[in-house]
Amino acid sequence: MRVTLLIVACILIGPVTAGRLPFQCSIRSVRVSGLPTQIRLLEAAELASHTADYMRGQSIDPFGLICWPGAQSLSSELVRLSKKRSGNLEGMCVLEIGCGSGLCSLTAAMLGAKVIATDPNEQALQLLAASADSHKVSVDTRPWSLHQPFDQLATECAGRETIVIASDILYSEELAELLAARVAEACSFGAKAIVADSIGLYSPLFCTTLLKIRTLSHVSTSRDVVQQFSAPGVSTKASTRVWDADVEIICVS
């Protein structure tokens, strides 16, 4: 099975990038509304095994190793934003927090933005780098976590209109509060933010925490539905799930 996956990866991604990935991968093709072609993503082939390692304390949070529906909605939001700017994001800096397998970062790069993609999981960054190579776009990947202050990244976007993005990372109280703190810091540097959430548990906490930290922030929300989204089971007993995902889009300025 591993040989088969690597052969497919070599066909679509290229033998160099596929060969340096240290775990089994699969390829997901995603249609982002408004883009002329599908985006091909490398993602972990067996998420359950990564989850098992995580539960045993042997690895970092693995859930960014596959794509989730919030990323698809947020990518479509970036396309809509580009249409307000002559059809591209040229001259902008898009900074993704918790990029995972990287659909949003790839979309922003295809639209012409300077892209900095961050994630604490270096395996996720490897997946994104390989996918970016296959599409011949530039994405700057950085190991970075929400526990680190935003000012370490702010200088990278100096002189450019900056937008901070994050999708489907609000799956604990701690993450909601940390993301609120980092978004507030980003806004203090003049950035805007878009957060997509299909989980529906901690987005209210994110918003209330953000407004407590930065009372002048303007927060607006809208909703999107990603139909027939599929994701592998996160545990050995869970099967592939297919569902219509309700996604909340939170815009902060």
C-alpha atoms as a PDB file:
ATOM      1  CA  MET A   1       0.000   0.000   0.000  1.00  0.00           C
ATOM      2  CA  ARG A   2       2.816   2.416   0.866  1.00  0.00           C
ATOM      3  CA  VAL A   3       4.497   1.765  -2.479  1.00  0.00           C
ATOM      4  CA  THR A   4       1.237   2.410  -4.343  1.00  0.00           C
ATOM      5  CA  LEU A   5       0.659   5.694  -2.535  1.00  0.00           C
ATOM      6  CA  LEU A   6       4.176   6.880  -3.210  1.00  0.00           C
ATOM      7  CA  ILE A   7       3.843   5.985  -6.906  1.00  0.00           C
ATOM      8  CA  VAL A   8       0.664   8.072  -7.133  1.00  0.00           C
ATOM      9  CA  ALA A   9       2.375  10.871  -5.232  1.00  0.00           C
ATOM     10  CA  CYS A  10       5.329  10.752  -7.615  1.00  0.00           C
ATOM     11  CA  ILE A  11       2.974  11.101 -10.584  1.00  0.00           C
ATOM     12  CA  LEU A  12       1.101  14.098  -9.181  1.00  0.00           C
ATOM     13  CA  ILE A  13       3.598  15.685  -6.803  1.00  0.00           C
ATOM     14  CA  GLY A  14       6.998  14.691  -8.157  1.00  0.00           C
ATOM     15  CA  PRO A  15       9.523  12.103  -7.012  1.00  0.00           C
ATOM     16  CA  VAL A  16      11.649  14.453  -4.911  1.00  0.00           C
ATOM     17  CA  THR A  17       8.947  15.988  -2.732  1.00  0.00           C
ATOM     18  CA  ALA A  18       6.986  12.762  -2.360  1.00  0.00           C
ATOM     19  CA  GLY A  19      10.075  10.786  -1.447  1.00  0.00           C
ATOM     20  CA  ARG A  20      10.990  12.935   1.536  1.00  0.00           C
ATOM     21  CA  LEU A  21       7.671  12.552   3.366  1.00  0.00           C
ATOM     22  CA  PRO A  22       8.164  10.291   6.409  1.00  0.00           C
ATOM     23  CA  PHE A  23       4.669   8.743   6.483  1.00  0.00           C
ATOM     24  CA  GLN A  24       1.995   7.329   4.193  1.00  0.00           C
ATOM     25  CA  CYS A  25       0.058   9.937   2.225  1.00  0.00           C
ATOM     26  CA  SER A  26      -3.051  10.171   0.104  1.00  0.00           C
ATOM     27  CA  ILE A  27      -4.172  12.860  -2.316  1.00  0.00           C
ATOM     28  CA  ARG A  28      -7.367  14.874  -1.979  1.00  0.00           C
ATOM     29  CA  SER A  29      -8.621  16.989  -4.867  1.00  0.00           C
ATOM     30  CA  VAL A  30     -10.654  19.970  -3.694  1.00  0.00           C
ATOM     31  CA  ARG A  31     -12.851  22.215  -5.792  1.00  0.00           C
ATOM     32  CA  VAL A  32     -12.701  25.768  -4.459  1.00  0.00           C
ATOM     33  CA  SER A  33     -15.519  27.886  -5.825  1.00  0.00           C
ATOM     34  CA  GLY A  34     -14.126  30.529  -8.167  1.00  0.00           C
ATOM     35  CA  LEU A  35     -10.813  28.822  -8.956  1.00  0.00           C
ATOM     36  CA  PRO A  36     -10.424  27.405 -12.488  1.00  0.00           C
ATOM     37  CA  THR A  37      -8.809  24.136 -11.384  1.00  0.00           C
ATOM     38  CA  GLN A  38      -9.003  21.806  -8.422  1.00  0.00           C
ATOM     39  CA  ILE A  39      -6.367  21.983  -5.717  1.00  0.00           C
ATOM     40  CA  ARG A  40      -4.489  18.763  -4.999  1.00  0.00           C
ATOM     41  CA  LEU A  41      -3.594  18.265  -1.360  1.00  0.00           C
ATOM     42  CA  LEU A  42      -1.329  15.712   0.197  1.00  0.00           C
ATOM     43  CA  GLU A  43      -2.676  14.487   3.529  1.00  0.00           C
ATOM     44  CA  ALA A  44      -2.036  11.666   5.963  1.00  0.00           C
ATOM     45  CA  ALA A  45      -3.369   8.375   4.625  1.00  0.00           C
ATOM     46  CA  GLU A  46      -4.054   6.858   8.038  1.00  0.00           C
ATOM     47  CA  LEU A  47      -5.109   9.548  10.483  1.00  0.00           C
ATOM     48  CA  ALA A  48      -6.172   6.949  13.042  1.00  0.00           C
ATOM     49  CA  SER A  49      -2.605   5.728  13.520  1.00  0.00           C
ATOM     50  CA  HIS A  50      -1.408   9.302  14.119  1.00  0.00           C
ATOM     51  CA  THR A  51      -4.258   9.807  16.598  1.00  0.00           C
ATOM     52  CA  ALA A  52      -3.243   6.652  18.451  1.00  0.00           C
ATOM     53  CA  ASP A  53       0.335   7.934  18.753  1.00  0.00           C
ATOM     54  CA  TYR A  54      -1.013  11.272  20.008  1.00  0.00           C
ATOM     55  CA  MET A  55      -3.174   9.608  22.656  1.00  0.00           C
ATOM     56  CA  ARG A  56      -0.116   7.684  23.865  1.00  0.00           C
ATOM     57  CA  GLY A  57       1.818  10.944  24.132  1.00  0.00           C
ATOM     58  CA  GLN A  58       4.149   9.957  21.299  1.00  0.00           C
ATOM     59  CA  SER A  59       3.312  12.726  18.844  1.00  0.00           C
ATOM     60  CA  ILE A  60       1.902  16.227  18.538  1.00  0.00           C
ATOM     61  CA  ASP A  61      -1.784  16.937  17.763  1.00  0.00           C
ATOM     62  CA  PRO A  62      -2.298  15.223  14.354  1.00  0.00           C
ATOM     63  CA  PHE A  63      -5.664  16.624  13.288  1.00  0.00           C
ATOM     64  CA  GLY A  64      -4.160  19.106  10.839  1.00  0.00           C
ATOM     65  CA  LEU A  65      -2.749  16.273   8.749  1.00  0.00           C
ATOM     66  CA  ILE A  66      -6.008  16.133   6.770  1.00  0.00           C
ATOM     67  CA  CYS A  67      -8.292  18.793   5.325  1.00  0.00           C
ATOM     68  CA  TRP A  68     -11.457  19.861   7.179  1.00  0.00           C
ATOM     69  CA  PRO A  69     -14.539  21.667   5.801  1.00  0.00           C
ATOM     70  CA  GLY A  70     -13.727  25.022   7.389  1.00  0.00           C
ATOM     71  CA  ALA A  71     -10.686  25.249   5.120  1.00  0.00           C
ATOM     72  CA  GLN A  72     -12.855  24.831   2.027  1.00  0.00           C
ATOM     73  CA  SER A  73     -15.223  27.603   3.137  1.00  0.00           C
ATOM     74  CA  LEU A  74     -12.354  29.912   4.059  1.00  0.00           C
ATOM     75  CA  SER A  75     -10.679  29.292   0.704  1.00  0.00           C
ATOM     76  CA  SER A  76     -13.884  30.306  -1.061  1.00  0.00           C
ATOM     77  CA  GLU A  77     -13.951  33.419   1.118  1.00  0.00           C
ATOM     78  CA  LEU A  78     -10.453  34.304  -0.110  1.00  0.00           C
ATOM     79  CA  VAL A  79     -11.629  33.953  -3.710  1.00  0.00           C
ATOM     80  CA  ARG A  80     -14.547  36.300  -2.973  1.00  0.00           C
ATOM     81  CA  LEU A  81     -12.106  38.775  -1.446  1.00  0.00           C
ATOM     82  CA  SER A  82      -9.917  38.605  -4.543  1.00  0.00           C
ATOM     83  CA  LYS A  83     -12.878  39.512  -6.750  1.00  0.00           C
ATOM     84  CA  LYS A  84     -13.129  42.791  -4.843  1.00  0.00           C
ATOM     85  CA  ARG A  85      -9.474  43.441  -5.705  1.00  0.00           C
ATOM     86  CA  SER A  86      -9.295  43.013  -9.504  1.00  0.00           C
ATOM     87  CA  GLY A  87      -9.412  39.232  -9.256  1.00  0.00           C
ATOM     88  CA  ASN A  88      -6.277  38.617  -7.220  1.00  0.00           C
ATOM     89  CA  LEU A  89      -4.607  39.116  -3.837  1.00  0.00           C
ATOM     90  CA  GLU A  90      -1.380  40.567  -5.192  1.00  0.00           C
ATOM     91  CA  GLY A  91       0.310  42.937  -2.742  1.00  0.00           C
ATOM     92  CA  MET A  92      -1.343  41.268   0.248  1.00  0.00           C
ATOM     93  CA  CYS A  93       0.258  39.164   2.951  1.00  0.00           C
ATOM     94  CA  VAL A  94      -1.851  36.202   4.066  1.00  0.00           C
ATOM     95  CA  LEU A  95      -0.716  34.611   7.302  1.00  0.00           C
ATOM     96  CA  GLU A  96      -2.345  31.311   8.190  1.00  0.00           C
ATOM     97  CA  ILE A  97      -2.436  30.095  11.789  1.00  0.00           C
ATOM     98  CA  GLY A  98      -2.647  26.317  12.090  1.00  0.00           C
ATOM     99  CA  CYS A  99      -2.398  25.726   8.345  1.00  0.00           C
ATOM    100  CA  GLY A 100      -2.633  21.930   8.543  1.00  0.00           C
ATOM    101  CA  SER A 101      -2.460  20.351   5.091  1.00  0.00           C
ATOM    102  CA  GLY A 102      -2.693  23.853   3.649  1.00  0.00           C
ATOM    103  CA  LEU A 103      -5.741  24.326   1.423  1.00  0.00           C
ATOM    104  CA  CYS A 104      -6.213  27.973   2.439  1.00  0.00           C
ATOM    105  CA  SER A 105      -2.535  28.848   2.064  1.00  0.00           C
ATOM    106  CA  LEU A 106      -2.416  27.235  -1.374  1.00  0.00           C
ATOM    107  CA  THR A 107      -5.530  29.148  -2.430  1.00  0.00           C
ATOM    108  CA  ALA A 108      -4.031  32.455  -1.277  1.00  0.00           C
ATOM    109  CA  ALA A 109      -0.768  31.718  -3.099  1.00  0.00           C
ATOM    110  CA  MET A 110      -2.627  30.864  -6.320  1.00  0.00           C
ATOM    111  CA  LEU A 111      -4.402  34.218  -6.005  1.00  0.00           C
ATOM    112  CA  GLY A 112      -1.059  36.021  -5.877  1.00  0.00           C
ATOM    113  CA  ALA A 113      -0.609  36.784  -2.175  1.00  0.00           C
ATOM    114  CA  LYS A 114       2.577  36.499  -0.190  1.00  0.00           C
ATOM    115  CA  VAL A 115       1.759  33.557   2.083  1.00  0.00           C
ATOM    116  CA  ILE A 116       3.219  32.586   5.446  1.00  0.00           C
ATOM    117  CA  ALA A 117       1.786  29.295   6.683  1.00  0.00           C
ATOM    118  CA  THR A 118       2.323  28.328  10.319  1.00  0.00           C
ATOM    119  CA  ASP A 119       1.660  25.166  12.274  1.00  0.00           C
ATOM    120  CA  PRO A 120       3.209  23.535  15.358  1.00  0.00           C
ATOM    121  CA  ASN A 121       3.201  20.183  13.550  1.00  0.00           C
ATOM    122  CA  GLU A 122       6.154  19.981  11.185  1.00  0.00           C
ATOM    123  CA  GLN A 123       4.606  16.990   9.417  1.00  0.00           C
ATOM    124  CA  ALA A 124       1.716  19.232   8.340  1.00  0.00           C
ATOM    125  CA  LEU A 125       4.225  21.767   7.036  1.00  0.00           C
ATOM    126  CA  GLN A 126       5.929  19.017   5.025  1.00  0.00           C
ATOM    127  CA  LEU A 127       2.611  18.083   3.437  1.00  0.00           C
ATOM    128  CA  LEU A 128       1.910  21.689   2.511  1.00  0.00           C
ATOM    129  CA  ALA A 129       5.404  22.251   1.108  1.00  0.00           C
ATOM    130  CA  ALA A 130       5.050  19.204  -1.137  1.00  0.00           C
ATOM    131  CA  SER A 131       1.614  20.312  -2.356  1.00  0.00           C
ATOM    132  CA  ALA A 132       2.917  23.832  -3.032  1.00  0.00           C
ATOM    133  CA  ASP A 133       5.762  22.380  -5.088  1.00  0.00           C
ATOM    134  CA  SER A 134       3.291  20.391  -7.170  1.00  0.00           C
ATOM    135  CA  HIS A 135       1.283  23.518  -7.971  1.00  0.00           C
ATOM    136  CA  LYS A 136       4.428  25.603  -8.516  1.00  0.00           C
ATOM    137  CA  VAL A 137       3.389  28.283  -6.028  1.00  0.00           C
ATOM    138  CA  SER A 138       5.389  29.857  -3.234  1.00  0.00           C
ATOM    139  CA  VAL A 139       4.332  29.281   0.379  1.00  0.00           C
ATOM    140  CA  ASP A 140       6.655  30.146   3.261  1.00  0.00           C
ATOM    141  CA  THR A 141       6.126  27.477   5.946  1.00  0.00           C
ATOM    142  CA  ARG A 142       7.013  28.168   9.580  1.00  0.00           C
ATOM    143  CA  PRO A 143       6.846  26.028  12.731  1.00  0.00           C
ATOM    144  CA  TRP A 144       4.901  28.305  15.103  1.00  0.00           C
ATOM    145  CA  SER A 145       2.247  27.844  17.773  1.00  0.00           C
ATOM    146  CA  LEU A 146      -0.458  29.985  19.335  1.00  0.00           C
ATOM    147  CA  HIS A 147       1.596  30.138  22.528  1.00  0.00           C
ATOM    148  CA  GLN A 148       4.054  32.431  20.734  1.00  0.00           C
ATOM    149  CA  PRO A 149       3.368  36.176  20.334  1.00  0.00           C
ATOM    150  CA  PHE A 150       2.264  37.465  16.952  1.00  0.00           C
ATOM    151  CA  ASP A 151       4.962  40.147  16.791  1.00  0.00           C
ATOM    152  CA  GLN A 152       7.436  37.446  15.738  1.00  0.00           C
ATOM    153  CA  LEU A 153       5.501  37.222  12.471  1.00  0.00           C
ATOM    154  CA  ALA A 154       4.269  40.807  12.062  1.00  0.00           C
ATOM    155  CA  THR A 155       7.538  42.110  10.639  1.00  0.00           C
ATOM    156  CA  GLU A 156       7.300  39.544   7.828  1.00  0.00           C
ATOM    157  CA  CYS A 157       4.249  41.352   6.445  1.00  0.00           C
ATOM    158  CA  ALA A 158       5.467  44.915   6.982  1.00  0.00           C
ATOM    159  CA  GLY A 159       4.309  47.282   4.268  1.00  0.00           C
ATOM    160  CA  ARG A 160       1.579  44.982   2.981  1.00  0.00           C
ATOM    161  CA  GLU A 161      -2.135  44.762   3.638  1.00  0.00           C
ATOM    162  CA  THR A 162      -2.280  41.766   5.965  1.00  0.00           C
ATOM    163  CA  ILE A 163      -4.976  39.231   6.649  1.00  0.00           C
ATOM    164  CA  VAL A 164      -4.680  36.497   9.269  1.00  0.00           C
ATOM    165  CA  ILE A 165      -6.658  33.333   8.585  1.00  0.00           C
ATOM    166  CA  ALA A 166      -7.456  30.192  10.572  1.00  0.00           C
ATOM    167  CA  SER A 167      -9.854  27.318   9.977  1.00  0.00           C
ATOM    168  CA  ASP A 168     -11.221  24.573  12.217  1.00  0.00           C
ATOM    169  CA  ILE A 169      -8.768  25.058  15.064  1.00  0.00           C
ATOM    170  CA  LEU A 170     -11.385  26.041  17.671  1.00  0.00           C
ATOM    171  CA  TYR A 171     -11.714  22.602  19.224  1.00  0.00           C
ATOM    172  CA  SER A 172     -10.793  23.437  22.834  1.00  0.00           C
ATOM    173  CA  GLU A 173     -11.262  26.320  25.252  1.00  0.00           C
ATOM    174  CA  GLU A 174      -7.517  26.883  25.346  1.00  0.00           C
ATOM    175  CA  LEU A 175      -7.250  27.153  21.570  1.00  0.00           C
ATOM    176  CA  ALA A 176     -10.209  29.556  21.393  1.00  0.00           C
ATOM    177  CA  GLU A 177      -8.647  31.858  23.983  1.00  0.00           C
ATOM    178  CA  LEU A 178      -5.173  31.667  22.479  1.00  0.00           C
ATOM    179  CA  LEU A 179      -6.450  32.369  18.966  1.00  0.00           C
ATOM    180  CA  ALA A 180      -8.403  35.363  20.293  1.00  0.00           C
ATOM    181  CA  ALA A 181      -5.225  36.731  21.872  1.00  0.00           C
ATOM    182  CA  ARG A 182      -3.187  36.292  18.691  1.00  0.00           C
ATOM    183  CA  VAL A 183      -5.911  37.815  16.475  1.00  0.00           C
ATOM    184  CA  ALA A 184      -6.153  40.788  18.843  1.00  0.00           C
ATOM    185  CA  GLU A 185      -2.390  41.258  18.541  1.00  0.00           C
ATOM    186  CA  ALA A 186      -2.593  41.013  14.760  1.00  0.00           C
ATOM    187  CA  CYS A 187      -5.319  43.685  14.670  1.00  0.00           C
ATOM    188  CA  SER A 188      -3.116  45.951  16.784  1.00  0.00           C
ATOM    189  CA  PHE A 189      -0.586  45.776  13.934  1.00  0.00           C
ATOM    190  CA  GLY A 190      -3.303  46.773  11.451  1.00  0.00           C
ATOM    191  CA  ALA A 191      -4.191  43.310  10.176  1.00  0.00           C
ATOM    192  CA  LYS A 192      -7.651  41.889   9.582  1.00  0.00           C
ATOM    193  CA  ALA A 193      -8.668  38.303  10.245  1.00  0.00           C
ATOM    194  CA  ILE A 194     -11.003  35.629   8.923  1.00  0.00           C
ATOM    195  CA  VAL A 195     -11.713  32.549  11.031  1.00  0.00           C
ATOM    196  CA  ALA A 196     -13.761  29.601   9.759  1.00  0.00           C
ATOM    197  CA  ASP A 197     -15.250  27.070  12.163  1.00  0.00           C
ATOM    198  CA  SER A 198     -17.262  23.955  11.357  1.00  0.00           C
ATOM    199  CA  ILE A 199     -16.988  22.481  14.844  1.00  0.00           C
ATOM    200  CA  GLY A 200     -19.454  24.823  16.522  1.00  0.00           C
ATOM    201  CA  LEU A 201     -18.249  24.451  20.102  1.00  0.00           C
ATOM    202  CA  TYR A 202     -15.922  27.318  20.927  1.00  0.00           C
ATOM    203  CA  SER A 203     -16.504  30.052  18.340  1.00  0.00           C
ATOM    204  CA  PRO A 204     -18.645  32.040  20.854  1.00  0.00           C
ATOM    205  CA  LEU A 205     -15.787  31.866  23.379  1.00  0.00           C
ATOM    206  CA  PHE A 206     -13.359  33.046  20.705  1.00  0.00           C
ATOM    207  CA  CYS A 207     -15.536  36.071  19.909  1.00  0.00           C
ATOM    208  CA  THR A 208     -16.226  37.069  23.520  1.00  0.00           C
ATOM    209  CA  THR A 209     -12.562  36.674  24.493  1.00  0.00           C
ATOM    210  CA  LEU A 210     -11.437  38.730  21.501  1.00  0.00           C
ATOM    211  CA  LEU A 211     -13.817  41.578  22.366  1.00  0.00           C
ATOM    212  CA  LYS A 212     -12.650  41.560  25.970  1.00  0.00           C
ATOM    213  CA  ILE A 213      -9.029  41.899  24.878  1.00  0.00           C
ATOM    214  CA  ARG A 214      -9.649  44.377  22.078  1.00  0.00           C
ATOM    215  CA  THR A 215     -12.903  46.222  22.656  1.00  0.00           C
ATOM    216  CA  LEU A 216     -12.620  48.229  19.437  1.00  0.00           C
ATOM    217  CA  SER A 217     -12.608  45.152  17.205  1.00  0.00           C
ATOM    218  CA  HIS A 218     -15.448  44.827  14.726  1.00  0.00           C
ATOM    219  CA  VAL A 219     -16.707  41.249  14.430  1.00  0.00           C
ATOM    220  CA  SER A 220     -19.181  40.025  11.811  1.00  0.00           C
ATOM    221  CA  THR A 221     -20.341  36.487  11.084  1.00  0.00           C
ATOM    222  CA  SER A 222     -21.862  34.608   8.177  1.00  0.00           C
ATOM    223  CA  ARG A 223     -22.529  30.971   7.381  1.00  0.00           C
ATOM    224  CA  ASP A 224     -21.607  28.570   4.615  1.00  0.00           C
ATOM    225  CA  VAL A 225     -22.449  24.936   3.896  1.00  0.00           C
ATOM    226  CA  VAL A 226     -19.920  22.512   2.448  1.00  0.00           C
ATOM    227  CA  GLN A 227     -21.946  19.704   0.940  1.00  0.00           C
ATOM    228  CA  GLN A 228     -20.914  16.048   1.051  1.00  0.00           C
ATOM    229  CA  PHE A 229     -17.592  16.663   2.756  1.00  0.00           C
ATOM    230  CA  SER A 230     -15.702  13.470   3.609  1.00  0.00           C
ATOM    231  CA  ALA A 231     -13.041  12.857   6.230  1.00  0.00           C
ATOM    232  CA  PRO A 232     -11.394   9.674   7.506  1.00  0.00           C
ATOM    233  CA  GLY A 233     -12.087   8.401  10.988  1.00  0.00           C
ATOM    234  CA  VAL A 234      -9.869   9.847  13.686  1.00  0.00           C
ATOM    235  CA  SER A 235      -9.731   6.556  15.600  1.00  0.00           C
ATOM    236  CA  THR A 236      -9.294   2.935  14.584  1.00  0.00           C
ATOM    237  CA  LYS A 237     -12.974   2.233  15.283  1.00  0.00           C
ATOM    238  CA  ALA A 238     -14.291   5.180  13.255  1.00  0.00           C
ATOM    239  CA  SER A 239     -15.113   4.890   9.562  1.00  0.00           C
ATOM    240  CA  THR A 240     -14.948   7.575   6.892  1.00  0.00           C
ATOM    241  CA  ARG A 241     -17.618  10.185   7.529  1.00  0.00           C
ATOM    242  CA  VAL A 242     -19.537  12.091   4.844  1.00  0.00           C
ATOM    243  CA  TRP A 243     -21.716  15.022   5.849  1.00  0.00           C
ATOM    244  CA  ASP A 244     -23.007  18.476   4.942  1.00  0.00           C
ATOM    245  CA  ALA A 245     -20.837  20.752   7.075  1.00  0.00           C
ATOM    246  CA  ASP A 246     -22.243  23.980   8.494  1.00  0.00           C
ATOM    247  CA  VAL A 247     -19.395  26.499   8.667  1.00  0.00           C
ATOM    248  CA  GLU A 248     -19.346  29.803  10.540  1.00  0.00           C
ATOM    249  CA  ILE A 249     -17.219  32.536   8.966  1.00  0.00           C
ATOM    250  CA  ILE A 250     -15.975  35.153  11.447  1.00  0.00           C
ATOM    251  CA  CYS A 251     -14.497  38.358  10.048  1.00  0.00           C
ATOM    252  CA  VAL A 252     -12.504  40.623  12.377  1.00  0.00           C
ATOM    253  CA  SER A 253     -11.236  44.121  11.727  1.00  0.00           C
END
